[in-house]
Amino acid sequence: MTRMLCLLALFTFPALADSCQTLYQQHLATDMTLSYQQFDQTMGQGFRPLVANKCYPQAAELIAQYIAKTHHPQSSLVWHLAQMQGLSGHYQAAITNANKVLISPEQQAASALDWNDFVHANIAFWQRNKKQLLHFREQLAMAEKIKPNIINLRYLDRLISHFDKPYADIFPG
């Protein structure tokens, strides 16, 4: 049985890599002209089919290509790039891009969404710094109880409860 599983893995992983590359090439050819809404915010379009197939490195590259081609100012594109890099295990690249989406103290003070603490908590996870992750989780817990903060708090609780796991094992797409 073990031999069969090893053979299956030997033939499956190259096929997965090939299918991810094929899917990436298809989307690279068609998605660079999509609107921001279609590319980044619509399920089943843009980078999301790559995520659904666990093609995280290719999803990151597609987002990077879209940003380079369109120069779209939406920070969610950079945040999704950071997430895909995190899912790919490229934590340093994820940290670099996550730092780009932090908002100014003035913007943060004017918003009920506690964005910066959420981003900092993810960075702490990628840095493998549980103490900082717990700190930023507590900051977010004190924020206004609006739906996005509550969702983000649950997300951070998953990071904490599975701290010893890779990001991709916690949030597989």
Foldseek 3Di string as FASTA:
>chain_A
DVVVVVVCVVPPVVVLVVVLVVVLVVCLVPPLPDDCCQQPPDAPGNLNVSLVSLVLVSSLVSLVVSCVSPVDPDLVSLQSSLLSCQLVVVLVSSLVSLVVSDDDPVVCVVDLQNPNLLSQLVNCLSVLNLVSNVVSLVVLVPGDPDDVSVVSNVVSVLCNVPSVDRSCVSPSD
